[in-house]
Each structure stands twice: as structure tokens, then as C-alpha cells.
PDB file of N, CA and C in Angstrom:
ATOM      1  N   MET A   1     139.272  85.299 107.375  1.00  0.00           N
ATOM      2  CA  MET A   1     138.705  85.527 106.067  1.00  0.00           C
ATOM      3  C   MET A   1     137.187  85.655 106.144  1.00  0.00           C
ATOM      4  N   LEU A   2     136.563  84.831 106.946  1.00  0.00           N
ATOM      5  CA  LEU A   2     135.113  84.885 107.092  1.00  0.00           C
ATOM      6  C   LEU A   2     134.679  86.207 107.724  1.00  0.00           C
ATOM      7  N   LYS A   3     135.477  86.671 108.681  1.00  0.00           N
ATOM      8  CA  LYS A   3     135.142  87.929 109.342  1.00  0.00           C
ATOM      9  C   LYS A   3     135.149  89.086 108.340  1.00  0.00           C
ATOM     10  N   ASN A   4     136.100  89.089 107.423  1.00  0.00           N
ATOM     11  CA  ASN A   4     136.187  90.147 106.427  1.00  0.00           C
ATOM     12  C   ASN A   4     134.961  90.125 105.505  1.00  0.00           C
ATOM     13  N   LYS A   5     134.522  88.948 105.093  1.00  0.00           N
ATOM     14  CA  LYS A   5     133.351  88.847 104.229  1.00  0.00           C
ATOM     15  C   LYS A   5     132.099  89.311 104.964  1.00  0.00           C
ATOM     16  N   LYS A   6     131.980  88.950 106.234  1.00  0.00           N
ATOM     17  CA  LYS A   6     130.826  89.395 107.019  1.00  0.00           C
ATOM     18  C   LYS A   6     130.851  90.912 107.161  1.00  0.00           C
ATOM     19  N   ASN A   7     132.002  91.476 107.407  1.00  0.00           N
ATOM     20  CA  ASN A   7     132.138  92.924 107.535  1.00  0.00           C
ATOM     21  C   ASN A   7     131.771  93.611 106.216  1.00  0.00           C
ATOM     22  N   GLN A   8     132.154  93.002 105.094  1.00  0.00           N
ATOM     23  CA  GLN A   8     131.825  93.570 103.794  1.00  0.00           C
ATOM     24  C   GLN A   8     130.314  93.544 103.563  1.00  0.00           C
ATOM     25  N   ASN A   9     129.644  92.470 103.959  1.00  0.00           N
ATOM     26  CA  ASN A   9     128.198  92.389 103.803  1.00  0.00           C
ATOM     27  C   ASN A   9     127.499  93.441 104.644  1.00  0.00           C
ATOM     28  N   ILE A  10     127.997  93.670 105.828  1.00  0.00           N
ATOM     29  CA  ILE A  10     127.395  94.697 106.671  1.00  0.00           C
ATOM     30  C   ILE A  10     127.563  96.066 106.015  1.00  0.00           C
ATOM     31  N   ASN A  11     128.714  96.320 105.434  1.00  0.00           N
ATOM     32  CA  ASN A  11     128.928  97.602 104.771  1.00  0.00           C
ATOM     33  C   ASN A  11     128.013  97.772 103.571  1.00  0.00           C
ATOM     34  N   LEU A  12     127.800  96.699 102.798  1.00  0.00           N
ATOM     35  CA  LEU A  12     126.881  96.795 101.670  1.00  0.00           C
ATOM     36  C   LEU A  12     125.448  96.982 102.145  1.00  0.00           C
ATOM     37  N   ARG A  13     125.097  96.345 103.256  1.00  0.00           N
ATOM     38  CA  ARG A  13     123.760  96.536 103.824  1.00  0.00           C
ATOM     39  C   ARG A  13     123.587  97.987 104.267  1.00  0.00           C
ATOM     40  N   ILE A  14     124.614  98.552 104.862  1.00  0.00           N
ATOM     41  CA  ILE A  14     124.545  99.953 105.289  1.00  0.00           C
ATOM     42  C   ILE A  14     124.427 100.862 104.067  1.00  0.00           C
ATOM     43  N   LEU A  15     125.116 100.530 102.977  1.00  0.00           N
ATOM     44  CA  LEU A  15     124.998 101.317 101.745  1.00  0.00           C
ATOM     45  C   LEU A  15     123.556 101.321 101.258  1.00  0.00           C
ATOM     46  N   PHE A  16     122.938 100.156 101.151  1.00  0.00           N
ATOM     47  CA  PHE A  16     121.570 100.088 100.643  1.00  0.00           C
ATOM     48  C   PHE A  16     120.575 100.745 101.596  1.00  0.00           C
ATOM     49  N   LEU A  17     120.775 100.583 102.892  1.00  0.00           N
ATOM     50  CA  LEU A  17     119.887 101.254 103.853  1.00  0.00           C
ATOM     51  C   LEU A  17     120.041 102.769 103.769  1.00  0.00           C
ATOM     52  N   GLY A  18     121.268 103.235 103.589  1.00  0.00           N
ATOM     53  CA  GLY A  18     121.493 104.672 103.442  1.00  0.00           C
ATOM     54  C   GLY A  18     120.843 105.236 102.193  1.00  0.00           C
ATOM     55  N   VAL A  19     120.925 104.495 101.104  1.00  0.00           N
ATOM     56  CA  VAL A  19     120.304 104.943  99.858  1.00  0.00           C
ATOM     57  C   VAL A  19     118.785 104.978 100.009  1.00  0.00           C
ATOM     58  N   ILE A  20     118.213 103.939 100.598  1.00  0.00           N
ATOM     59  CA  ILE A  20     116.760 103.907 100.798  1.00  0.00           C
ATOM     60  C   ILE A  20     116.321 105.047 101.712  1.00  0.00           C
ATOM     61  N   TYR A  21     117.068 105.284 102.773  1.00  0.00           N
ATOM     62  CA  TYR A  21     116.750 106.378 103.702  1.00  0.00           C
ATOM     63  C   TYR A  21     116.776 107.729 102.983  1.00  0.00           C
ATOM     64  N   LEU A  22     117.817 107.961 102.178  1.00  0.00           N
ATOM     65  CA  LEU A  22     117.912 109.238 101.468  1.00  0.00           C
ATOM     66  C   LEU A  22     116.831 109.387 100.411  1.00  0.00           C
ATOM     67  N   VAL A  23     116.450 108.303  99.749  1.00  0.00           N
ATOM     68  CA  VAL A  23     115.368 108.381  98.763  1.00  0.00           C
ATOM     69  C   VAL A  23     114.075 108.786  99.453  1.00  0.00           C
ATOM     70  N   ILE A  24     113.790 108.188 100.608  1.00  0.00           N
ATOM     71  CA  ILE A  24     112.565 108.531 101.344  1.00  0.00           C
ATOM     72  C   ILE A  24     112.603 109.977 101.823  1.00  0.00           C
ATOM     73  N   CYS A  25     113.745 110.402 102.365  1.00  0.00           N
ATOM     74  CA  CYS A  25     113.864 111.790 102.830  1.00  0.00           C
ATOM     75  C   CYS A  25     113.730 112.783 101.678  1.00  0.00           C
ATOM     76  N   CYS A  26     114.360 112.479 100.547  1.00  0.00           N
ATOM     77  CA  CYS A  26     114.248 113.359  99.380  1.00  0.00           C
ATOM     78  C   CYS A  26     112.816 113.402  98.867  1.00  0.00           C
ATOM     79  N   PHE A  27     112.130 112.260  98.864  1.00  0.00           N
ATOM     80  CA  PHE A  27     110.741 112.242  98.415  1.00  0.00           C
ATOM     81  C   PHE A  27     109.880 113.151  99.293  1.00  0.00           C
ATOM     82  N   ILE A  28     110.037 113.044 100.600  1.00  0.00           N
ATOM     83  CA  ILE A  28     109.253 113.886 101.514  1.00  0.00           C
ATOM     84  C   ILE A  28     109.575 115.363 101.280  1.00  0.00           C
ATOM     85  N   PHE A  29     110.872 115.682 101.161  1.00  0.00           N
ATOM     86  CA  PHE A  29     111.271 117.068 100.962  1.00  0.00           C
ATOM     87  C   PHE A  29     110.732 117.622  99.646  1.00  0.00           C
ATOM     88  N   PHE A  30     110.897 116.886  98.546  1.00  0.00           N
ATOM     89  CA  PHE A  30     110.437 117.367  97.242  1.00  0.00           C
ATOM     90  C   PHE A  30     108.917 117.441  97.186  1.00  0.00           C
ATOM     91  N   PHE A  31     108.234 116.539  97.854  1.00  0.00           N
ATOM     92  CA  PHE A  31     106.776 116.574  97.896  1.00  0.00           C
ATOM     93  C   PHE A  31     106.293 117.830  98.607  1.00  0.00           C
ATOM     94  N   ILE A  32     106.878 118.109  99.768  1.00  0.00           N
ATOM     95  CA  ILE A  32     106.508 119.309 100.531  1.00  0.00           C
ATOM     96  C   ILE A  32     106.866 120.567  99.734  1.00  0.00           C
ATOM     97  N   ALA A  33     108.037 120.565  99.102  1.00  0.00           N
ATOM     98  CA  ALA A  33     108.449 121.724  98.316  1.00  0.00           C
ATOM     99  C   ALA A  33     107.499 121.955  97.143  1.00  0.00           C
ATOM    100  N   SER A  34     107.071 120.890  96.491  1.00  0.00           N
ATOM    101  CA  SER A  34     106.141 121.024  95.370  1.00  0.00           C
ATOM    102  C   SER A  34     104.804 121.602  95.826  1.00  0.00           C
ATOM    103  N   VAL A  35     104.313 121.125  96.955  1.00  0.00           N
ATOM    104  CA  VAL A  35     103.042 121.620  97.483  1.00  0.00           C
ATOM    105  C   VAL A  35     103.159 123.096  97.855  1.00  0.00           C
ATOM    106  N   VAL A  36     104.232 123.476  98.525  1.00  0.00           N
ATOM    107  CA  VAL A  36     104.412 124.868  98.947  1.00  0.00           C
ATOM    108  C   VAL A  36     104.559 125.784  97.732  1.00  0.00           C
ATOM    109  N   ILE A  37     105.340 125.360  96.739  1.00  0.00           N
ATOM    110  CA  ILE A  37     105.518 126.184  95.543  1.00  0.00           C
ATOM    111  C   ILE A  37     104.191 126.362  94.806  1.00  0.00           C
ATOM    112  N   ASP A  38     103.417 125.278  94.701  1.00  0.00           N
ATOM    113  CA  ASP A  38     102.099 125.397  94.059  1.00  0.00           C
ATOM    114  C   ASP A  38     101.184 126.343  94.829  1.00  0.00           C
ATOM    115  N   LEU A  39     101.198 126.258  96.140  1.00  0.00           N
ATOM    116  CA  LEU A  39     100.344 127.141  96.951  1.00  0.00           C
ATOM    117  C   LEU A  39     100.755 128.600  96.816  1.00  0.00           C
ATOM    118  N   VAL A  40     102.054 128.861  96.798  1.00  0.00           N
ATOM    119  CA  VAL A  40     102.533 130.245  96.738  1.00  0.00           C
ATOM    120  C   VAL A  40     102.246 130.867  95.370  1.00  0.00           C
ATOM    121  N   PHE A  41     102.517 130.146  94.290  1.00  0.00           N
ATOM    122  CA  PHE A  41     102.422 130.744  92.964  1.00  0.00           C
ATOM    123  C   PHE A  41     101.061 130.562  92.298  1.00  0.00           C
ATOM    124  N   GLU A  42     100.355 129.479  92.594  1.00  0.00           N
ATOM    125  CA  GLU A  42      99.069 129.243  91.936  1.00  0.00           C
ATOM    126  C   GLU A  42      97.884 129.342  92.884  1.00  0.00           C
ATOM    127  N   GLY A  43      98.125 129.250  94.167  1.00  0.00           N
ATOM    128  CA  GLY A  43      97.037 129.325  95.142  1.00  0.00           C
ATOM    129  C   GLY A  43      96.297 128.018  95.335  1.00  0.00           C
ATOM    130  N   LYS A  44      96.692 126.979  94.621  1.00  0.00           N
ATOM    131  CA  LYS A  44      96.077 125.667  94.791  1.00  0.00           C
ATOM    132  C   LYS A  44      97.149 124.592  94.609  1.00  0.00           C
ATOM    133  N   VAL A  45      96.857 123.404  95.100  1.00  0.00           N
ATOM    134  CA  VAL A  45      97.807 122.299  95.013  1.00  0.00           C
ATOM    135  C   VAL A  45      97.498 121.475  93.767  1.00  0.00           C
ATOM    136  N   ASN A  46      98.523 121.214  92.975  1.00  0.00           N
ATOM    137  CA  ASN A  46      98.385 120.460  91.741  1.00  0.00           C
ATOM    138  C   ASN A  46      99.154 119.147  91.884  1.00  0.00           C
ATOM    139  N   LEU A  47      98.483 118.098  92.351  1.00  0.00           N
ATOM    140  CA  LEU A  47      99.128 116.795  92.522  1.00  0.00           C
ATOM    141  C   LEU A  47      98.535 115.792  91.539  1.00  0.00           C
ATOM    142  N   THR A  48      99.069 115.813  90.338  1.00  0.00           N
ATOM    143  CA  THR A  48      98.634 114.843  89.341  1.00  0.00           C
ATOM    144  C   THR A  48      99.582 113.640  89.383  1.00  0.00           C
ATOM    145  N   ARG A  49      99.226 112.626  88.622  1.00  0.00           N
ATOM    146  CA  ARG A  49     100.065 111.424  88.564  1.00  0.00           C
ATOM    147  C   ARG A  49     101.455 111.762  88.014  1.00  0.00           C
ATOM    148  N   GLU A  50     101.524 112.657  87.040  1.00  0.00           N
ATOM    149  CA  GLU A  50     102.805 113.034  86.444  1.00  0.00           C
ATOM    150  C   GLU A  50     103.704 113.749  87.450  1.00  0.00           C
ATOM    151  N   VAL A  51     103.120 114.607  88.265  1.00  0.00           N
ATOM    152  CA  VAL A  51     103.905 115.325  89.274  1.00  0.00           C
ATOM    153  C   VAL A  51     104.475 114.349  90.294  1.00  0.00           C
ATOM    154  N   ILE A  52     103.672 113.394  90.733  1.00  0.00           N
ATOM    155  CA  ILE A  52     104.143 112.422  91.718  1.00  0.00           C
ATOM    156  C   ILE A  52     105.218 111.519  91.115  1.00  0.00           C
ATOM    157  N   ILE A  53     105.058 111.119  89.857  1.00  0.00           N
ATOM    158  CA  ILE A  53     106.092 110.307  89.200  1.00  0.00           C
ATOM    159  C   ILE A  53     107.386 111.100  89.065  1.00  0.00           C
ATOM    160  N   ASP A  54     107.283 112.385  88.716  1.00  0.00           N
ATOM    161  CA  ASP A  54     108.477 113.233  88.637  1.00  0.00           C
ATOM    162  C   ASP A  54     109.177 113.335  89.987  1.00  0.00           C
ATOM    163  N   ILE A  55     108.407 113.477  91.049  1.00  0.00           N
ATOM    164  CA  ILE A  55     108.984 113.559  92.391  1.00  0.00           C
ATOM    165  C   ILE A  55     109.672 112.247  92.758  1.00  0.00           C
ATOM    166  N   ILE A  56     109.063 111.121  92.411  1.00  0.00           N
ATOM    167  CA  ILE A  56     109.670 109.817  92.701  1.00  0.00           C
ATOM    168  C   ILE A  56     110.984 109.655  91.942  1.00  0.00           C
ATOM    169  N   VAL A  57     111.004 110.031  90.661  1.00  0.00           N
ATOM    170  CA  VAL A  57     112.219 109.895  89.855  1.00  0.00           C
ATOM    171  C   VAL A  57     113.335 110.777  90.395  1.00  0.00           C
ATOM    172  N   VAL A  58     113.020 112.028  90.679  1.00  0.00           N
ATOM    173  CA  VAL A  58     114.036 112.963  91.167  1.00  0.00           C
ATOM    174  C   VAL A  58     114.554 112.536  92.539  1.00  0.00           C
ATOM    175  N   SER A  59     113.669 112.092  93.418  1.00  0.00           N
ATOM    176  CA  SER A  59     114.116 111.674  94.742  1.00  0.00           C
ATOM    177  C   SER A  59     114.950 110.396  94.672  1.00  0.00           C
ATOM    178  N   THR A  60     114.641 109.502  93.739  1.00  0.00           N
ATOM    179  CA  THR A  60     115.454 108.296  93.572  1.00  0.00           C
ATOM    180  C   THR A  60     116.850 108.641  93.076  1.00  0.00           C
ATOM    181  N   ILE A  61     116.941 109.536  92.117  1.00  0.00           N
ATOM    182  CA  ILE A  61     118.250 109.951  91.600  1.00  0.00           C
ATOM    183  C   ILE A  61     119.052 110.654  92.686  1.00  0.00           C
ATOM    184  N   ALA A  62     118.428 111.596  93.386  1.00  0.00           N
ATOM    185  CA  ALA A  62     119.139 112.345  94.422  1.00  0.00           C
ATOM    186  C   ALA A  62     119.535 111.443  95.589  1.00  0.00           C
ATOM    187  N   GLY A  63     118.645 110.556  96.004  1.00  0.00           N
ATOM    188  CA  GLY A  63     118.952 109.663  97.115  1.00  0.00           C
ATOM    189  C   GLY A  63     120.045 108.674  96.772  1.00  0.00           C
ATOM    190  N   ALA A  64     120.006 108.123  95.570  1.00  0.00           N
ATOM    191  CA  ALA A  64     121.038 107.171  95.162  1.00  0.00           C
ATOM    192  C   ALA A  64     122.396 107.859  95.031  1.00  0.00           C
ATOM    193  N   ALA A  65     122.415 109.039  94.444  1.00  0.00           N
ATOM    194  CA  ALA A  65     123.676 109.770  94.293  1.00  0.00           C
ATOM    195  C   ALA A  65     124.240 110.181  95.648  1.00  0.00           C
ATOM    196  N   GLY A  66     123.392 110.675  96.527  1.00  0.00           N
ATOM    197  CA  GLY A  66     123.856 111.083  97.852  1.00  0.00           C
ATOM    198  C   GLY A  66     124.329 109.914  98.690  1.00  0.00           C
ATOM    199  N   GLY A  67     123.584 108.827  98.683  1.00  0.00           N
ATOM    200  CA  GLY A  67     123.978 107.657  99.464  1.00  0.00           C
ATOM    201  C   GLY A  67     125.248 107.020  98.951  1.00  0.00           C
ATOM    202  N   LEU A  68     125.354 106.873  97.636  1.00  0.00           N
ATOM    203  CA  LEU A  68     126.550 106.282  97.048  1.00  0.00           C
ATOM    204  C   LEU A  68     127.763 107.190  97.248  1.00  0.00           C
ATOM    205  N   GLY A  69     127.567 108.481  97.086  1.00  0.00           N
ATOM    206  CA  GLY A  69     128.676 109.416  97.290  1.00  0.00           C
ATOM    207  C   GLY A  69     129.185 109.422  98.715  1.00  0.00           C
ATOM    208  N   SER A  70     128.290 109.432  99.671  1.00  0.00           N
ATOM    209  CA  SER A  70     128.730 109.428 101.068  1.00  0.00           C
ATOM    210  C   SER A  70     129.410 108.119 101.421  1.00  0.00           C
ATOM    211  N   TRP A  71     128.939 107.004 100.856  1.00  0.00           N
ATOM    212  CA  TRP A  71     129.567 105.706 101.119  1.00  0.00           C
ATOM    213  C   TRP A  71     130.969 105.656 100.518  1.00  0.00           C
ATOM    214  N   ILE A  72     131.134 106.207  99.308  1.00  0.00           N
ATOM    215  CA  ILE A  72     132.459 106.230  98.674  1.00  0.00           C
ATOM    216  C   ILE A  72     133.428 107.073  99.489  1.00  0.00           C
ATOM    217  N   PHE A  73     132.997 108.245  99.941  1.00  0.00           N
ATOM    218  CA  PHE A  73     133.880 109.083 100.748  1.00  0.00           C
ATOM    219  C   PHE A  73     134.215 108.436 102.087  1.00  0.00           C
ATOM    220  N   ALA A  74     133.276 107.707 102.672  1.00  0.00           N
ATOM    221  CA  ALA A  74     133.561 106.992 103.915  1.00  0.00           C
ATOM    222  C   ALA A  74     134.595 105.892 103.678  1.00  0.00           C
ATOM    223  N   LYS A  75     134.486 105.192 102.557  1.00  0.00           N
ATOM    224  CA  LYS A  75     135.469 104.169 102.219  1.00  0.00           C
ATOM    225  C   LYS A  75     136.848 104.778 101.983  1.00  0.00           C
ATOM    226  N   ILE A  76     136.903 105.934 101.331  1.00  0.00           N
ATOM    227  CA  ILE A  76     138.184 106.607 101.106  1.00  0.00           C
ATOM    228  C   ILE A  76     138.801 107.007 102.435  1.00  0.00           C
ATOM    229  N   ASP A  77     138.003 107.567 103.335  1.00  0.00           N
ATOM    230  CA  ASP A  77     138.515 107.942 104.652  1.00  0.00           C
ATOM    231  C   ASP A  77     138.980 106.720 105.434  1.00  0.00           C
ATOM    232  N   GLU A  78     138.242 105.624 105.325  1.00  0.00           N
ATOM    233  CA  GLU A  78     138.625 104.389 106.015  1.00  0.00           C
ATOM    234  C   GLU A  78     139.957 103.873 105.492  1.00  0.00           C
ATOM    235  N   ARG A  79     140.144 103.930 104.199  1.00  0.00           N
ATOM    236  CA  ARG A  79     141.403 103.471 103.598  1.00  0.00           C
ATOM    237  C   ARG A  79     142.563 104.385 104.002  1.00  0.00           C
ATOM    238  N   LYS A  80     142.327 105.705 104.039  1.00  0.00           N
ATOM    239  CA  LYS A  80     143.378 106.640 104.455  1.00  0.00           C
ATOM    240  C   LYS A  80     143.755 106.417 105.910  1.00  0.00           C
ATOM    241  N   ALA A  81     142.769 106.115 106.753  1.00  0.00           N
ATOM    242  CA  ALA A  81     143.046 105.883 108.172  1.00  0.00           C
ATOM    243  C   ALA A  81     143.886 104.622 108.365  1.00  0.00           C
ATOM    244  N   ARG A  82     143.681 103.614 107.536  1.00  0.00           N
ATOM    245  CA  ARG A  82     144.480 102.393 107.631  1.00  0.00           C
ATOM    246  C   ARG A  82     145.900 102.608 107.131  1.00  0.00           C
ATOM    247  N   LYS A  83     146.077 103.443 106.130  1.00  0.00           N
ATOM    248  CA  LYS A  83     147.414 103.642 105.539  1.00  0.00           C
ATOM    249  C   LYS A  83     148.285 104.589 106.344  1.00  0.00           C
ATOM    250  N   SER A  84     147.710 105.617 106.933  1.00  0.00           N
ATOM    251  CA  SER A  84     148.538 106.607 107.618  1.00  0.00           C
ATOM    252  C   SER A  84     148.875 106.119 109.028  1.00  0.00           C
ATOM    253  N   PRO A  85     150.145 106.286 109.437  1.00  0.00           N
ATOM    254  CA  PRO A  85     150.529 105.881 110.796  1.00  0.00           C
ATOM    255  C   PRO A  85     149.964 106.878 111.806  1.00  0.00           C
ATOM    256  N   PRO A  86     149.678 106.410 113.014  1.00  0.00           N
ATOM    257  CA  PRO A  86     149.153 107.341 114.029  1.00  0.00           C
ATOM    258  C   PRO A  86     150.201 108.386 114.395  1.00  0.00           C
ATOM    259  N   SER A  87     149.747 109.595 114.581  1.00  0.00           N
ATOM    260  CA  SER A  87     150.665 110.683 114.923  1.00  0.00           C
ATOM    261  C   SER A  87     150.923 110.694 116.430  1.00  0.00           C
ATOM    262  N   ASP A  88     152.136 111.070 116.798  1.00  0.00           N
ATOM    263  CA  ASP A  88     152.521 111.106 118.212  1.00  0.00           C
ATOM    264  C   ASP A  88     152.477 112.556 118.687  1.00  0.00           C
ATOM    265  N   PRO A  89     151.587 112.891 119.602  1.00  0.00           N
ATOM    266  CA  PRO A  89     151.476 114.298 120.030  1.00  0.00           C
ATOM    267  C   PRO A  89     152.591 114.771 120.846  1.00  0.00           C
TER     268      PRO A  89
END
């Protein structure tokens, strides 16, 4: 029983680390995309406080959705692997 609880904590830790990782990656990507789009269309970089807050909000939403979605699909696959009997080649 203790082993199962420890395994569950590790999985939740992996979920939170995955979400944090995706939020950081999305922030970097959206920041670079914003700078490139500003350079291409306006010829100058427009980094105001509002733009940075928008990037933080969007990257948090995208990172949380991506991390949670991938964790849910991994759990579904794990459950399917436990339920299905191994195939004999």
C-alpha cells in the first residue's frame, strides 16, 4: 500500500514538472514569436508590460492544457496496458 502511494506522488510530481516545463517552453516560444512578428510587420519591437502579461497568460494556459492533456493520455494508456492481456506472437 505504501509503495502505491509513493508511486502516485511521483506521478503527481511528474505532472507538475511537465506543466512547469511546458509553461516555460511556451513562454519562450510566444516571446520569440511576438518579437519576430513585431519586427516583420512594424520594423521595431514593442515589448510593453501588457504584451508580456499577455504572453505569460497565454503560455500558462497552453502549458497547463498541454501538460494535463499528455498526463491524462499517459494514464489512459497505462490503464489499457494493465487491462489488456499480452498478445502471443
